[in-house]
């Protein structure tokens, strides 16, 4: 059967599409089952208005999306919609409401995930205060939108618009608390399982989390009771273990512990919402939201501080390494500059020019924060001290050089410029220097080559440059020693010609 054979061929991509379809349906089915169980638990927490005071399903869906990435939005939204319809139909709600709530819940979790992934990228971690604030803002927007759609569906059935604001507020709070309470748990678990930690760290994290949960359980409903003076003392007992957990494990056990405390407090809400007139669900929800926000913000600040300290340590090490290398180069330049000089004045002039050239390149690299330097800027800076009207031309595509290669190429260009000013084109009226570069294609299995050409044009014969010294040795040998490039330096009658070839596979060369 030709048609069947053609469909199964590797070129058609059918196996890949089949695997994608199976993966899509597997994620959707797993999310549907998980969301259904969480939704059934949420439906068991209905208040007098028929709305759950805490909706754990939304937190699970958003947490999975934040941990899995943007590509999971489709299957997760499908699973959420299917589970919502099933849960509401089993609970006896009308089909219109069931489908409307399915759309509302799918839009809610998708909106939160899309906002977070669009502005913060994939692989979310609560490692900066800005990320925490963005996640909370996305949760507020998504919960508000989903609650508005659900409230609209309620009033399209049999309700009046007199109390739509109250119903929207109740729905919004329950979804928002679900997202805020459970999504950090899933993100923290993802971070915990994808980072390497010693068993001592894990043991400490588990012990601190257990102590935190035990403290929250002991506080229980009393943490939400307001005293006559309006001061809530018991809830303050939560913050010492939260602080300790944030200091020791800011990206893993800290968000996990905060979510665990939120779940304990949710249990207190459910246990105390009936038959206790003084108990205020809104106060409890506000406490949970504030506690999670403070805990994640504190963890993020500590994580930022640790990242800054690590970056500073690396910068100091890199600075020490660069200073050591620079001193080594300077020492070699000083020792080799003595060769080929007939007087102390010539030695000072040669040495001073080379050190000034190195300093110029160092300043340019420092300005660019040592990310690299454009070849055109490097050449122009080296020829600037010998600027004469129409004396030189610089042309070529944009090429970025790494710091190490830029410093080495700078020494070569300095020696070429110095020789041109002493003996070559720049020492004669009407002499010109043309520095051009282009990318030479070498073949499918060989890296392309950057070809830099230094060409001098002299109206008169070249002056005798004398025996080969440090300058010519630097031009011919330095790049070949430090890179895989080659240097061909010749002195035809028209002037010096230097051709430098650097493979684009060289780490310090890239097309901008």
Protein backbone atom coordinates (compact mmCIF):
# COMPACT_ATOMS: atom_id res chain seq x y z
CA UNK A 1 0.00 0.00 0.00
CA UNK A 2 1.93 3.05 -1.20
CA UNK A 3 -0.16 5.49 0.73
CA UNK A 4 0.52 3.73 4.03
CA UNK A 5 4.24 3.46 3.33
CA UNK A 6 4.45 7.09 2.45
CA UNK A 7 2.64 8.09 5.63
CA UNK A 8 5.02 6.12 7.83
CA UNK A 9 8.23 7.33 6.17
CA UNK A 10 10.67 9.35 8.33
CA UNK A 11 10.55 12.23 5.86
CA UNK A 12 6.86 12.78 6.48
CA UNK A 13 7.40 13.50 10.16
CA UNK A 14 4.47 11.27 11.13
CA UNK A 15 6.26 9.52 14.02
CA UNK A 16 7.22 12.89 15.45
CA UNK A 17 3.65 14.18 15.15
CA UNK A 18 2.36 10.98 16.71
CA UNK A 19 4.68 11.37 19.67
CA UNK A 20 3.62 14.99 20.07
CA UNK A 21 -0.04 13.96 19.99
CA UNK A 22 0.50 11.23 22.58
CA UNK A 23 2.43 13.65 24.81
CA UNK A 24 -0.31 16.28 24.41
CA UNK A 25 -3.09 13.87 25.33
CA UNK A 26 -1.10 12.36 28.21
CA UNK A 27 -0.51 15.78 29.79
CA UNK A 28 -4.16 16.73 29.25
CA UNK A 29 -5.41 13.47 30.81
CA UNK A 30 -3.07 13.72 33.80
CA UNK A 31 -4.08 17.33 34.39
CA UNK A 32 -7.78 16.44 34.00
CA UNK A 33 -7.56 13.77 36.69
CA UNK A 34 -5.53 15.95 39.06
CA UNK A 35 -7.69 19.01 38.50
CA UNK A 36 -10.87 16.98 38.95
CA UNK A 37 -9.77 15.66 42.34
CA UNK A 38 -8.71 19.16 43.42
CA UNK A 39 -11.96 20.63 42.09
CA UNK A 40 -14.01 18.08 44.04
CA UNK A 41 -12.09 19.14 47.13
CA UNK A 42 -12.81 22.77 46.27
CA UNK A 43 -16.52 22.09 45.81
CA UNK A 44 -16.55 20.66 49.33
CA UNK A 45 -15.52 24.12 50.61
CA UNK A 46 -18.53 26.08 49.36
CA UNK A 47 -19.72 29.04 51.37
CA UNK A 48 -23.31 30.19 51.75
CA UNK A 49 -23.18 31.87 48.32
CA UNK A 50 -22.21 28.60 46.65
CA UNK A 51 -18.61 29.62 45.90
CA UNK A 52 -15.56 27.82 47.24
CA UNK A 53 -13.62 29.80 49.82
CA UNK A 54 -10.43 28.17 48.54
CA UNK A 55 -9.92 26.74 45.05
CA UNK A 56 -6.84 24.44 45.09
CA UNK A 57 -7.35 23.34 41.49
CA UNK A 58 -6.38 26.76 40.15
CA UNK A 59 -3.13 26.69 42.12
CA UNK A 60 -2.26 23.22 40.82
CA UNK A 61 -2.94 24.19 37.19
CA UNK A 62 -0.97 27.44 37.38
CA UNK A 63 1.87 25.77 39.29
CA UNK A 64 2.21 23.06 36.64
CA UNK A 65 2.21 25.67 33.88
CA UNK A 66 4.85 27.77 35.62
CA UNK A 67 7.03 24.73 36.19
CA UNK A 68 6.55 23.05 32.80
CA UNK A 69 6.78 26.04 30.44
CA UNK A 70 4.70 27.73 27.78
CA UNK A 71 4.39 24.63 25.55
CA UNK A 72 2.20 22.97 28.19
CA UNK A 73 -0.51 25.67 28.10
CA UNK A 74 -2.57 23.86 25.45
CA UNK A 75 -2.84 20.41 27.05
CA UNK A 76 -3.17 21.81 30.57
CA UNK A 77 -5.98 24.17 29.52
CA UNK A 78 -7.76 21.25 27.82
CA UNK A 79 -7.41 19.10 30.93
CA UNK A 80 -8.65 21.94 33.14
CA UNK A 81 -11.71 22.46 30.96
CA UNK A 82 -12.56 18.75 30.84
CA UNK A 83 -12.12 18.33 34.61
CA UNK A 84 -14.22 21.42 35.39
CA UNK A 85 -17.10 20.18 33.24
CA UNK A 86 -16.97 16.74 34.83
CA UNK A 87 -16.77 18.06 38.39
CA UNK A 88 -19.67 20.50 37.93
CA UNK A 89 -21.90 17.98 36.15
CA UNK A 90 -21.29 15.41 38.90
CA UNK A 91 -22.14 18.13 41.45
CA UNK A 92 -25.49 18.68 39.73
CA UNK A 93 -24.88 22.08 38.17
CA UNK A 94 -26.50 23.01 34.84
CA UNK A 95 -24.60 22.23 31.67
CA UNK A 96 -24.41 25.89 30.68
CA UNK A 97 -22.71 26.77 33.94
CA UNK A 98 -20.43 23.74 33.70
CA UNK A 99 -19.16 24.75 30.25
CA UNK A 100 -18.95 28.42 31.23
CA UNK A 101 -16.92 27.61 34.33
CA UNK A 102 -14.66 25.38 32.20
CA UNK A 103 -13.91 28.29 29.89
CA UNK A 104 -13.37 30.62 32.86
CA UNK A 105 -10.93 28.26 34.60
CA UNK A 106 -9.00 27.50 31.39
CA UNK A 107 -8.72 31.22 30.57
CA UNK A 108 -7.61 31.97 34.13
CA UNK A 109 -4.68 29.54 34.31
CA UNK A 110 -3.65 30.20 30.70
CA UNK A 111 -3.62 33.96 31.28
CA UNK A 112 -1.43 33.70 34.35
CA UNK A 113 1.01 31.33 32.63
CA UNK A 114 1.14 33.39 29.42
CA UNK A 115 1.87 36.61 31.31
CA UNK A 116 4.59 35.00 33.43
CA UNK A 117 6.31 33.23 30.53
CA UNK A 118 6.07 36.29 28.27
CA UNK A 119 7.71 38.66 30.73
CA UNK A 120 9.86 36.36 32.87
CA UNK A 121 10.69 33.53 30.48
CA UNK A 122 10.67 29.80 31.10
CA UNK A 123 12.12 27.95 34.09
CA UNK A 124 10.59 30.32 36.61
CA UNK A 125 12.24 30.70 40.00
CA UNK A 126 11.43 33.11 42.80
CA UNK A 127 14.98 34.44 42.70
CA UNK A 128 14.26 38.17 42.49
CA UNK A 129 11.76 40.55 44.00
CA UNK A 130 10.66 41.67 40.54
CA UNK A 131 9.77 38.09 39.60
CA UNK A 132 7.71 37.65 42.75
CA UNK A 133 5.81 40.88 42.12
CA UNK A 134 5.22 39.93 38.47
CA UNK A 135 3.87 36.49 39.42
CA UNK A 136 1.52 38.03 41.99
CA UNK A 137 0.35 40.63 39.48
CA UNK A 138 -0.25 37.93 36.84
CA UNK A 139 -2.19 35.88 39.40
CA UNK A 140 -4.36 38.90 40.22
CA UNK A 141 -5.05 39.60 36.52
CA UNK A 142 -5.78 35.97 35.67
CA UNK A 143 -7.99 35.44 38.72
CA UNK A 144 -9.87 38.65 38.03
CA UNK A 145 -10.51 37.69 34.40
CA UNK A 146 -11.58 34.14 35.18
CA UNK A 147 -13.83 35.31 38.02
CA UNK A 148 -15.45 37.88 35.76
CA UNK A 149 -16.28 35.22 33.16
CA UNK A 150 -17.66 32.87 35.82
CA UNK A 151 -19.72 35.62 37.47
CA UNK A 152 -21.13 36.61 34.09
CA UNK A 153 -22.24 33.02 33.51
CA UNK A 154 -24.00 32.99 36.90
CA UNK A 155 -25.99 36.10 36.09
CA UNK A 156 -26.93 34.84 32.66
CA UNK A 157 -28.83 32.04 34.38
CA UNK A 158 -31.02 33.02 37.31
CA UNK A 159 -29.32 35.76 39.34
CA UNK A 160 -29.79 39.48 39.50
CA UNK A 161 -27.05 42.08 39.11
CA UNK A 162 -27.61 43.59 42.54
CA UNK A 163 -24.82 41.63 44.25
CA UNK A 164 -22.56 40.80 41.32
CA UNK A 165 -19.63 42.63 42.90
CA UNK A 166 -19.81 40.56 46.09
CA UNK A 167 -20.02 37.27 44.18
CA UNK A 168 -17.13 38.27 41.92
CA UNK A 169 -15.08 39.24 44.97
CA UNK A 170 -15.69 35.89 46.69
CA UNK A 171 -14.82 33.95 43.54
CA UNK A 172 -11.75 36.10 42.88
CA UNK A 173 -10.43 35.61 46.42
CA UNK A 174 -10.84 31.85 46.35
CA UNK A 175 -9.01 31.46 43.01
CA UNK A 176 -6.29 33.95 43.93
CA UNK A 177 -5.59 32.23 47.25
CA UNK A 178 -5.46 28.88 45.45
CA UNK A 179 -2.86 30.17 42.97
CA UNK A 180 -0.79 31.99 45.57
CA UNK A 181 -0.88 29.10 48.02
CA UNK A 182 -0.09 26.14 45.75
CA UNK A 183 1.94 27.39 42.76
CA UNK A 184 5.05 28.14 44.93
CA UNK A 185 4.90 24.54 46.16
CA UNK A 186 5.12 23.13 42.63
CA UNK A 187 7.77 25.61 41.48
CA UNK A 188 9.81 24.92 44.62
CA UNK A 189 9.60 21.15 44.10
CA UNK A 190 10.70 21.55 40.47
CA UNK A 191 13.69 23.62 41.59
CA UNK A 192 14.50 21.13 44.34
CA UNK A 193 14.55 18.15 41.97
CA UNK A 194 16.54 19.94 39.27
CA UNK A 195 19.32 21.26 41.51
CA UNK A 196 22.07 19.32 43.19
CA UNK A 197 22.00 19.48 46.96
CA UNK A 198 23.80 17.45 49.59
CA UNK A 199 21.88 15.12 51.84
CA UNK A 200 22.76 17.41 54.74
CA UNK A 201 21.04 20.33 53.00
CA UNK A 202 17.98 18.22 52.25
CA UNK A 203 17.83 16.93 55.79
CA UNK A 204 18.04 20.46 57.14
CA UNK A 205 15.40 21.70 54.71
CA UNK A 206 12.98 18.92 55.59
CA UNK A 207 13.52 19.48 59.31
CA UNK A 208 12.95 23.24 59.06
CA UNK A 209 9.87 22.75 56.88
CA UNK A 210 8.46 20.24 59.35
CA UNK A 211 9.06 22.62 62.24
CA UNK A 212 7.36 25.41 60.31
CA UNK A 213 4.30 23.27 59.56
CA UNK A 214 4.10 22.14 63.18
CA UNK A 215 4.22 25.76 64.34
CA UNK A 216 1.40 26.69 61.95
CA UNK A 217 -0.66 23.75 63.16
CA UNK A 218 -0.21 24.71 66.81
CA UNK A 219 -1.28 28.27 66.06
CA UNK A 220 -4.29 26.99 64.14
CA UNK A 221 -7.44 29.11 64.04
CA UNK A 222 -6.20 31.39 66.82
CA UNK A 223 -3.93 33.02 64.28
CA UNK A 224 -6.95 34.53 62.59
CA UNK A 225 -8.80 35.66 65.71
CA UNK A 226 -8.60 39.36 66.39
CA UNK A 227 -8.09 40.47 69.95
CA UNK A 228 -9.91 43.43 71.50
CA UNK A 229 -6.92 45.67 70.82
CA UNK A 230 -6.74 44.54 67.20
CA UNK A 231 -3.24 43.06 67.67
CA UNK A 232 -2.70 39.53 66.36
CA UNK A 233 0.13 37.99 68.38
CA UNK A 234 0.02 34.24 67.61
CA UNK A 235 0.59 34.62 63.87
CA UNK A 236 3.93 36.32 64.60
CA UNK A 237 5.30 32.96 65.76
CA UNK A 238 5.34 31.83 62.12
CA UNK A 239 7.95 34.35 60.98
CA UNK A 240 11.11 33.11 62.80
CA UNK A 241 11.04 29.66 61.14
CA UNK A 242 9.99 31.26 57.84
CA UNK A 243 12.95 33.62 58.07
CA UNK A 244 15.35 30.79 58.89
CA UNK A 245 14.04 28.74 55.96
CA UNK A 246 14.37 31.71 53.60
CA UNK A 247 17.97 32.30 54.68
CA UNK A 248 19.05 28.69 54.37
CA UNK A 249 17.01 27.50 51.35
CA UNK A 250 15.55 30.51 49.52
CA UNK A 251 14.69 28.84 46.20
CA UNK A 252 13.63 25.36 47.30
CA UNK A 253 12.32 24.67 50.77
CA UNK A 254 11.30 28.27 51.46
CA UNK A 255 8.47 28.38 48.85
CA UNK A 256 7.57 24.79 49.74
CA UNK A 257 7.31 25.72 53.42
CA UNK A 258 5.27 28.84 52.69
CA UNK A 259 2.77 26.78 50.68
CA UNK A 260 2.61 24.17 53.44
CA UNK A 261 1.77 26.87 56.00
CA UNK A 262 -0.92 28.19 53.66
CA UNK A 263 -2.48 24.72 53.42
CA UNK A 264 -2.50 24.41 57.20
CA UNK A 265 -4.24 27.77 57.49
CA UNK A 266 -6.72 26.74 54.81
CA UNK A 267 -7.56 23.74 56.94
CA UNK A 268 -8.21 26.16 59.78
CA UNK A 269 -10.55 28.15 57.54
CA UNK A 270 -12.55 25.07 56.62
CA UNK A 271 -12.70 23.84 60.20
CA UNK A 272 -13.84 27.17 61.63
CA UNK A 273 -16.02 28.71 58.92
CA UNK A 274 -19.23 27.12 60.25
CA UNK A 275 -20.64 27.95 63.67
CA UNK A 276 -18.08 30.57 64.66
CA UNK A 277 -19.50 34.04 64.30
CA UNK A 278 -16.24 35.81 65.15
CA UNK A 279 -14.29 33.97 62.50
CA UNK A 280 -13.68 36.01 59.38
CA UNK A 281 -12.80 34.19 56.21
CA UNK A 282 -11.61 37.37 54.54
CA UNK A 283 -9.13 38.04 57.36
CA UNK A 284 -7.79 34.51 57.04
CA UNK A 285 -7.43 34.81 53.26
CA UNK A 286 -5.71 38.18 53.62
CA UNK A 287 -3.34 36.66 56.19
CA UNK A 288 -2.45 33.80 53.84
CA UNK A 289 -1.87 36.15 50.91
CA UNK A 290 0.32 38.47 52.99
CA UNK A 291 2.27 35.62 54.54
CA UNK A 292 3.04 34.02 51.17
CA UNK A 293 3.95 37.39 49.70
CA UNK A 294 6.29 38.29 52.56
CA UNK A 295 7.91 34.85 52.56
CA UNK A 296 8.55 34.77 48.81
CA UNK A 297 9.76 38.39 48.80
CA UNK A 298 12.19 37.70 51.62
CA UNK A 299 13.46 34.57 49.88
CA UNK A 300 13.88 36.51 46.63
CA UNK A 301 15.87 39.27 48.34
CA UNK A 302 18.17 36.71 49.94
CA UNK A 303 18.58 34.88 46.61
CA UNK A 304 19.42 38.17 44.91
CA UNK A 305 22.01 38.91 47.58
CA UNK A 306 23.59 35.50 47.16
CA UNK A 307 23.66 35.88 43.38
CA UNK A 308 25.29 39.30 43.72
CA UNK A 309 27.90 37.93 46.11
CA UNK A 310 28.66 35.02 43.78
CA UNK A 311 28.96 37.38 40.82
CA UNK A 312 31.25 39.67 42.80
CA UNK A 313 33.47 36.75 43.78
CA UNK A 314 33.72 35.64 40.16
CA UNK A 315 34.49 39.21 39.08
CA UNK A 316 37.29 39.48 41.62
CA UNK A 317 38.75 36.19 40.45
CA UNK A 318 38.48 37.29 36.83
CA UNK A 319 40.06 40.64 37.68
CA UNK A 320 42.96 38.93 39.44
CA UNK A 321 43.41 36.65 36.45
CA UNK A 322 43.39 39.54 33.97
CA UNK A 323 45.75 41.66 36.06
CA UNK A 324 48.16 38.73 36.32
CA UNK A 325 48.00 38.18 32.56
CA UNK A 326 48.43 41.90 31.87
CA UNK A 327 51.48 42.11 34.12
CA UNK A 328 52.93 39.06 32.41
CA UNK A 329 52.43 40.66 29.00
CA UNK A 330 53.91 43.96 30.19
CA UNK A 331 56.92 42.15 31.60
CA UNK A 332 57.46 40.36 28.28
CA UNK A 333 57.03 43.62 26.36
CA UNK A 334 59.57 45.39 28.57
CA UNK A 335 62.13 42.61 28.21
CA UNK A 336 61.67 42.21 24.45
CA UNK A 337 61.56 45.96 23.77
CA UNK A 338 65.22 46.18 24.73
CA UNK A 339 66.06 44.05 21.71
CA UNK A 340 66.79 46.02 18.55
CA UNK A 341 67.10 49.41 20.30
CA UNK A 342 70.38 51.28 20.04
CA UNK A 343 69.73 53.87 22.74
CA UNK A 344 67.76 54.41 25.91
CA UNK A 345 65.59 56.98 24.10
CA UNK A 346 64.57 54.43 21.45
CA UNK A 347 63.79 51.93 24.21
CA UNK A 348 61.56 54.41 26.07
CA UNK A 349 59.78 55.39 22.85
CA UNK A 350 59.11 51.80 21.80
CA UNK A 351 58.06 50.70 25.27
CA UNK A 352 55.83 53.75 25.83
CA UNK A 353 54.03 53.26 22.52
CA UNK A 354 53.30 49.61 23.22
CA UNK A 355 52.03 50.27 26.72
CA UNK A 356 49.81 53.13 25.49
CA UNK A 357 48.39 50.84 22.84
CA UNK A 358 47.58 48.19 25.44
CA UNK A 359 46.00 50.84 27.64
CA UNK A 360 43.75 52.04 24.78
CA UNK A 361 42.47 48.54 24.15
CA UNK A 362 41.97 47.98 27.87
CA UNK A 363 39.89 51.17 28.09
CA UNK A 364 37.73 50.13 25.12
CA UNK A 365 37.13 46.68 26.58
CA UNK A 366 36.31 48.16 30.00
CA UNK A 367 33.77 50.47 28.37
CA UNK A 368 32.11 47.41 26.83
CA UNK A 369 32.25 45.57 30.20
CA UNK A 370 34.69 43.07 28.68
CA UNK A 371 32.00 41.54 26.49
CA UNK A 372 34.07 42.10 23.37
CA UNK A 373 35.13 44.76 20.88
CA UNK A 374 34.31 45.45 17.25
CA UNK A 375 37.19 44.93 14.84
CA UNK A 376 36.56 48.25 13.09
CA UNK A 377 36.80 50.16 16.36
CA UNK A 378 40.01 48.36 17.31
CA UNK A 379 41.67 49.17 13.98
CA UNK A 380 40.51 52.80 14.03
CA UNK A 381 41.81 53.29 17.58
CA UNK A 382 45.22 51.91 16.66
CA UNK A 383 45.54 54.07 13.55
CA UNK A 384 44.22 57.22 15.27
CA UNK A 385 47.65 58.44 16.54
CA UNK A 386 48.88 58.44 12.91
CA UNK A 387 45.80 60.18 11.49
CA UNK A 388 46.58 62.04 8.26
CA UNK A 389 44.00 63.18 5.72
CA UNK A 390 43.21 60.28 3.36
CA UNK A 391 46.16 58.36 4.79
CA UNK A 392 44.25 55.17 5.55
CA UNK A 393 40.97 53.40 4.92
CA UNK A 394 39.19 50.88 7.13
CA UNK A 395 36.42 48.71 5.75
CA UNK A 396 34.72 45.37 6.41
CA UNK A 397 31.64 43.69 7.89
CA UNK A 398 30.81 43.93 11.57
CA UNK A 399 32.97 41.48 13.48
CA UNK A 400 33.10 41.05 17.26
CA UNK A 401 36.34 40.03 18.93
CA UNK A 402 36.60 38.45 22.35
CA UNK A 403 38.68 40.25 25.00
CA UNK A 404 41.70 37.95 24.73
CA UNK A 405 41.83 38.00 20.94
CA UNK A 406 41.26 41.77 20.86
CA UNK A 407 44.29 42.34 23.08
CA UNK A 408 46.49 40.06 20.98
CA UNK A 409 45.35 41.55 17.68
CA UNK A 410 45.88 45.01 19.14
CA UNK A 411 49.59 44.29 19.68
CA UNK A 412 49.91 43.08 16.09
CA UNK A 413 48.14 46.18 14.71
CA UNK A 414 50.29 48.44 16.88
CA UNK A 415 53.50 46.95 15.49
CA UNK A 416 52.17 47.26 11.93
CA UNK A 417 51.21 50.91 12.56
CA UNK A 418 54.54 51.72 14.18
CA UNK A 419 56.53 50.15 11.35
CA UNK A 420 54.37 52.01 8.81
CA UNK A 421 55.06 55.30 10.62
CA UNK A 422 58.82 54.64 10.85
CA UNK A 423 59.67 52.92 7.58
CA UNK A 424 56.53 52.46 5.48
CA UNK A 425 53.57 54.25 3.97
CA UNK A 426 52.84 56.56 6.90
CA UNK A 427 56.43 57.84 6.85
CA UNK A 428 56.09 59.20 3.30
CA UNK A 429 53.91 61.98 1.90
CA UNK A 430 51.13 60.42 -0.15
CA UNK A 431 51.50 56.99 1.42
CA UNK A 432 48.32 55.15 2.34
CA UNK A 433 47.29 52.21 4.50
CA UNK A 434 44.19 50.13 3.70
CA UNK A 435 42.88 47.72 6.31
CA UNK A 436 40.07 45.52 5.00
CA UNK A 437 38.52 42.29 6.11
CA UNK A 438 36.02 39.81 4.74
CA UNK A 439 34.65 36.34 5.45
CA UNK A 440 36.05 33.66 3.19
CA UNK A 441 33.85 30.59 2.71
CA UNK A 442 35.97 27.46 2.92
CA UNK A 443 33.49 24.59 2.51
CA UNK A 444 30.62 22.70 4.16
CA UNK A 445 32.76 20.80 6.68
CA UNK A 446 35.32 23.52 7.40
CA UNK A 447 34.71 26.70 9.37
CA UNK A 448 34.68 29.94 7.39
CA UNK A 449 37.70 32.19 7.78
CA UNK A 450 37.97 35.87 8.63
CA UNK A 451 40.66 37.36 6.40
CA UNK A 452 42.18 40.68 7.55
CA UNK A 453 44.39 42.45 5.02
CA UNK A 454 46.83 45.23 5.91
CA UNK A 455 48.10 46.83 2.69
CA UNK A 456 50.49 49.76 2.48
CA UNK A 457 51.00 51.78 -0.69
CA UNK A 458 54.21 53.81 -0.80
CA UNK A 459 55.09 56.36 -3.55
CA UNK A 460 58.81 55.72 -2.93
CA UNK A 461 60.88 52.72 -2.00
CA UNK A 462 60.65 51.38 1.55
CA UNK A 463 63.27 52.36 4.05
CA UNK A 464 65.41 49.60 5.45
CA UNK A 465 63.65 48.27 8.55
CA UNK A 466 66.82 46.63 9.79
CA UNK A 467 67.12 43.19 11.44
CA UNK A 468 64.00 41.45 12.68
CA UNK A 469 63.23 42.40 16.26
CA UNK A 470 60.42 42.15 18.75
CA UNK A 471 57.97 44.05 16.54
CA UNK A 472 58.19 41.79 13.50
CA UNK A 473 58.28 38.70 15.72
CA UNK A 474 55.07 39.87 17.39
CA UNK A 475 53.35 40.33 14.03
CA UNK A 476 54.39 36.92 12.70
CA UNK A 477 54.16 34.76 15.82
CA UNK A 478 51.74 36.12 18.42
CA UNK A 479 48.44 35.23 16.75
CA UNK A 480 49.77 31.88 15.55
CA UNK A 481 50.85 31.10 19.10
CA UNK A 482 47.62 32.13 20.85
CA UNK A 483 45.04 31.16 18.19
CA UNK A 484 44.60 28.80 15.26
CA UNK A 485 45.09 31.71 12.87
CA UNK A 486 47.91 32.33 10.41
CA UNK A 487 49.85 35.50 9.55
CA UNK A 488 51.61 36.14 6.23
CA UNK A 489 53.81 39.27 6.29
CA UNK A 490 55.70 40.31 3.14
CA UNK A 491 57.39 43.47 1.87
CA UNK A 492 56.70 43.93 -1.86
CA UNK A 493 58.09 47.05 -3.64
CA UNK A 494 54.79 48.91 -3.19
CA UNK A 495 54.86 48.53 0.62
CA UNK A 496 54.18 46.09 3.46
CA UNK A 497 51.43 43.49 3.01
CA UNK A 498 50.08 41.49 5.96
CA UNK A 499 47.32 38.91 5.60
CA UNK A 500 45.81 37.53 8.83
CA UNK A 501 43.50 34.51 8.71
CA UNK A 502 41.32 33.68 11.72
CA UNK A 503 38.82 30.77 11.62
CA UNK A 504 35.30 31.77 12.66
CA UNK A 505 35.34 28.65 14.84
CA UNK A 506 37.84 30.52 17.04
CA UNK A 507 36.06 31.34 20.36
CA UNK A 508 36.96 35.03 20.15
CA UNK A 509 35.61 35.68 16.62
CA UNK A 510 31.97 36.16 15.70
CA UNK A 511 29.96 38.05 13.10
CA UNK A 512 27.95 40.84 14.72
